[in-house]
Amino acid sequence: MSTSATPSVRNRASIDITSVSRFFGLGGRILLASLFLLSGLTKMSAYGATAGYMTAMGVSPALLPLVIATEVLGSLAVIVGWNTRIAAFLLAGFTLIAGVIFHNNLGDQIQTIMLLKDVSIAGAFLLLVANGAGPLSLDHRRARSAAARVRGKS
């Protein structure tokens, strides 16, 4: 292969990645938040059993509506990219608190793994806090509209 062909191959590859990379943020948000959306919907359909489990773990079942709202509304906000940094921060904290409460038997390997998964999920949410939702989000659309209004006033 000649050296003159190499730069064009690299340029094509970077163009292809650049053109699809905006979908990675959306896909990542969907994959991350779908766990919480499904969990919240499951809690609604098995409300009594979930309240019983919470009671057995020493958590007041009166918190269950707040838990469901956090999971469902927070996950939807992350998926559509609306106030993503705030929603991701709240879900990161929720995940860490839930992990410590429900997976605190570190002598049990399964519980330790579950806690570490919660810690990892919280880390993914913190990446959203740091980097935002990306270009395919309501946050990005709102920022573009605000910038256009500012340019229009100048």
Protein backbone atom coordinates (compact mmCIF):
# COMPACT_ATOMS: atom_id res chain seq x y z
CA MET A 1 0.00 0.00 0.00
CA SER A 2 1.41 3.38 -0.88
CA THR A 3 1.86 6.02 1.80
CA SER A 4 -0.27 8.47 -0.17
CA ALA A 5 -3.32 6.23 0.30
CA THR A 6 -2.93 6.00 4.07
CA PRO A 7 -4.05 9.57 4.92
CA SER A 8 -7.23 9.26 2.87
CA VAL A 9 -8.12 5.99 4.63
CA ARG A 10 -7.57 7.65 8.00
CA ASN A 11 -9.63 10.67 6.98
CA ARG A 12 -12.51 8.49 5.83
CA ALA A 13 -12.43 6.52 9.08
CA SER A 14 -12.47 9.66 11.20
CA ILE A 15 -15.31 11.13 9.15
CA ASP A 16 -17.33 7.95 9.59
CA ILE A 17 -16.74 7.90 13.36
CA THR A 18 -17.50 11.60 13.64
CA SER A 19 -20.74 11.26 11.73
CA VAL A 20 -22.03 8.46 13.97
CA SER A 21 -20.49 9.44 17.30
CA ARG A 22 -23.41 11.68 18.21
CA PHE A 23 -25.55 8.52 18.37
CA PHE A 24 -23.24 6.97 20.98
CA GLY A 25 -24.31 9.47 23.62
CA LEU A 26 -27.98 8.80 22.95
CA GLY A 27 -27.43 5.04 22.90
CA GLY A 28 -25.45 5.19 26.11
CA ARG A 29 -28.14 7.22 27.84
CA ILE A 30 -30.82 4.77 26.73
CA LEU A 31 -28.84 1.74 27.87
CA LEU A 32 -27.94 3.29 31.22
CA ALA A 33 -31.37 4.68 32.05
CA SER A 34 -33.45 1.75 30.81
CA LEU A 35 -32.42 -0.21 33.92
CA PHE A 36 -34.05 2.43 36.12
CA LEU A 37 -37.12 2.85 33.93
CA LEU A 38 -37.78 -0.89 33.97
CA SER A 39 -37.09 -1.09 37.71
CA GLY A 40 -39.50 1.75 38.48
CA LEU A 41 -42.25 0.26 36.32
CA THR A 42 -41.72 -3.15 37.94
CA LYS A 43 -42.02 -1.58 41.40
CA MET A 44 -45.37 -0.09 40.35
CA SER A 45 -46.69 -3.43 39.17
CA ALA A 46 -45.40 -5.25 42.28
CA TYR A 47 -46.04 -2.45 44.76
CA GLY A 48 -46.97 -4.65 47.74
CA ALA A 49 -44.03 -7.01 47.30
CA THR A 50 -41.62 -4.10 46.91
CA ALA A 51 -43.00 -2.40 50.03
CA GLY A 52 -42.58 -5.67 51.92
CA TYR A 53 -38.98 -6.03 50.76
CA MET A 54 -38.21 -2.45 51.77
CA THR A 55 -39.70 -3.09 55.22
CA ALA A 56 -37.62 -6.26 55.60
CA MET A 57 -34.49 -4.24 54.79
CA GLY A 58 -35.36 -1.57 57.37
CA VAL A 59 -36.53 1.06 54.89
CA SER A 60 -39.92 2.71 55.32
CA PRO A 61 -42.33 1.69 52.55
CA ALA A 62 -43.64 5.26 52.69
CA LEU A 63 -40.58 6.11 50.56
CA LEU A 64 -41.71 3.82 47.74
CA PRO A 65 -43.58 6.52 45.76
CA LEU A 66 -40.45 8.71 45.90
CA VAL A 67 -38.30 5.77 44.78
CA ILE A 68 -40.61 5.04 41.85
CA ALA A 69 -40.75 8.70 40.83
CA THR A 70 -36.95 8.98 41.04
CA GLU A 71 -36.42 5.91 38.88
CA VAL A 72 -39.11 6.59 36.27
CA LEU A 73 -38.83 10.36 35.94
CA GLY A 74 -35.05 10.41 36.36
CA SER A 75 -34.56 7.74 33.70
CA LEU A 76 -36.88 9.49 31.26
CA ALA A 77 -35.02 12.78 31.79
CA VAL A 78 -31.70 11.06 31.07
CA ILE A 79 -33.05 9.24 28.00
CA VAL A 80 -34.39 12.41 26.33
CA GLY A 81 -31.52 14.51 27.62
CA TRP A 82 -33.58 16.99 29.65
CA ASN A 83 -31.75 18.54 32.62
CA THR A 84 -29.41 15.61 32.19
CA ARG A 85 -26.70 16.76 34.58
CA ILE A 86 -29.18 17.23 37.42
CA ALA A 87 -31.03 13.96 36.74
CA ALA A 88 -27.76 12.03 36.43
CA PHE A 89 -26.43 13.52 39.67
CA LEU A 90 -29.61 12.55 41.52
CA LEU A 91 -29.61 9.04 40.04
CA ALA A 92 -25.93 8.60 40.94
CA GLY A 93 -26.70 9.48 44.56
CA PHE A 94 -29.82 7.32 44.57
CA THR A 95 -27.85 4.37 43.20
CA LEU A 96 -25.09 4.68 45.80
CA ILE A 97 -27.58 5.00 48.67
CA ALA A 98 -29.63 2.03 47.42
CA GLY A 99 -26.47 -0.02 46.99
CA VAL A 100 -25.29 0.63 50.52
CA ILE A 101 -28.73 -0.14 51.99
CA PHE A 102 -29.60 -3.23 49.97
CA HIS A 103 -26.18 -4.75 49.21
CA ASN A 104 -24.25 -4.21 52.44
CA ASN A 105 -23.37 -7.84 53.25
CA LEU A 106 -19.83 -7.74 51.89
CA GLY A 107 -19.19 -11.25 53.22
CA ASP A 108 -21.52 -12.52 50.48
CA GLN A 109 -19.75 -12.43 47.12
CA ILE A 110 -22.99 -11.87 45.19
CA GLN A 111 -23.89 -8.87 47.38
CA THR A 112 -20.38 -7.46 46.92
CA ILE A 113 -20.70 -7.77 43.14
CA MET A 114 -24.13 -6.12 43.24
CA LEU A 115 -22.71 -3.22 45.27
CA LEU A 116 -19.81 -2.83 42.85
CA LYS A 117 -22.26 -2.78 39.93
CA ASP A 118 -24.15 0.02 41.66
CA VAL A 119 -20.89 1.92 42.17
CA SER A 120 -20.06 1.45 38.47
CA ILE A 121 -23.51 2.66 37.41
CA ALA A 122 -23.09 5.72 39.63
CA GLY A 123 -19.77 6.33 37.87
CA ALA A 124 -21.50 6.28 34.50
CA PHE A 125 -24.02 8.83 35.76
CA LEU A 126 -21.17 11.03 36.99
CA LEU A 127 -19.72 10.94 33.46
CA LEU A 128 -23.03 12.38 32.27
CA VAL A 129 -22.80 15.04 34.98
CA ALA A 130 -19.30 15.96 33.76
CA ASN A 131 -19.93 15.80 30.01
CA GLY A 132 -23.63 16.45 29.53
CA ALA A 133 -26.05 14.59 27.30
CA GLY A 134 -24.46 15.31 23.93
CA PRO A 135 -25.87 16.68 20.69
CA LEU A 136 -28.96 14.43 20.47
CA SER A 137 -30.68 15.80 23.55
CA LEU A 138 -33.18 18.39 24.68
CA ASP A 139 -30.37 20.07 26.66
CA HIS A 140 -28.36 20.60 23.47
CA ARG A 141 -31.41 21.86 21.60
CA ARG A 142 -32.20 24.31 24.43
CA ALA A 143 -28.59 25.56 24.47
CA ARG A 144 -28.64 26.12 20.69
CA SER A 145 -31.93 28.05 20.96
CA ALA A 146 -30.54 30.21 23.76
CA ALA A 147 -27.38 30.93 21.76
CA ALA A 148 -29.47 31.89 18.72
CA ARG A 149 -31.56 34.29 20.85
CA VAL A 150 -28.38 35.90 22.19
CA ARG A 151 -26.95 36.26 18.66
CA GLY A 152 -30.26 37.78 17.54
CA LYS A 153 -30.10 40.45 20.26
CA SER A 154 -26.54 41.48 19.31
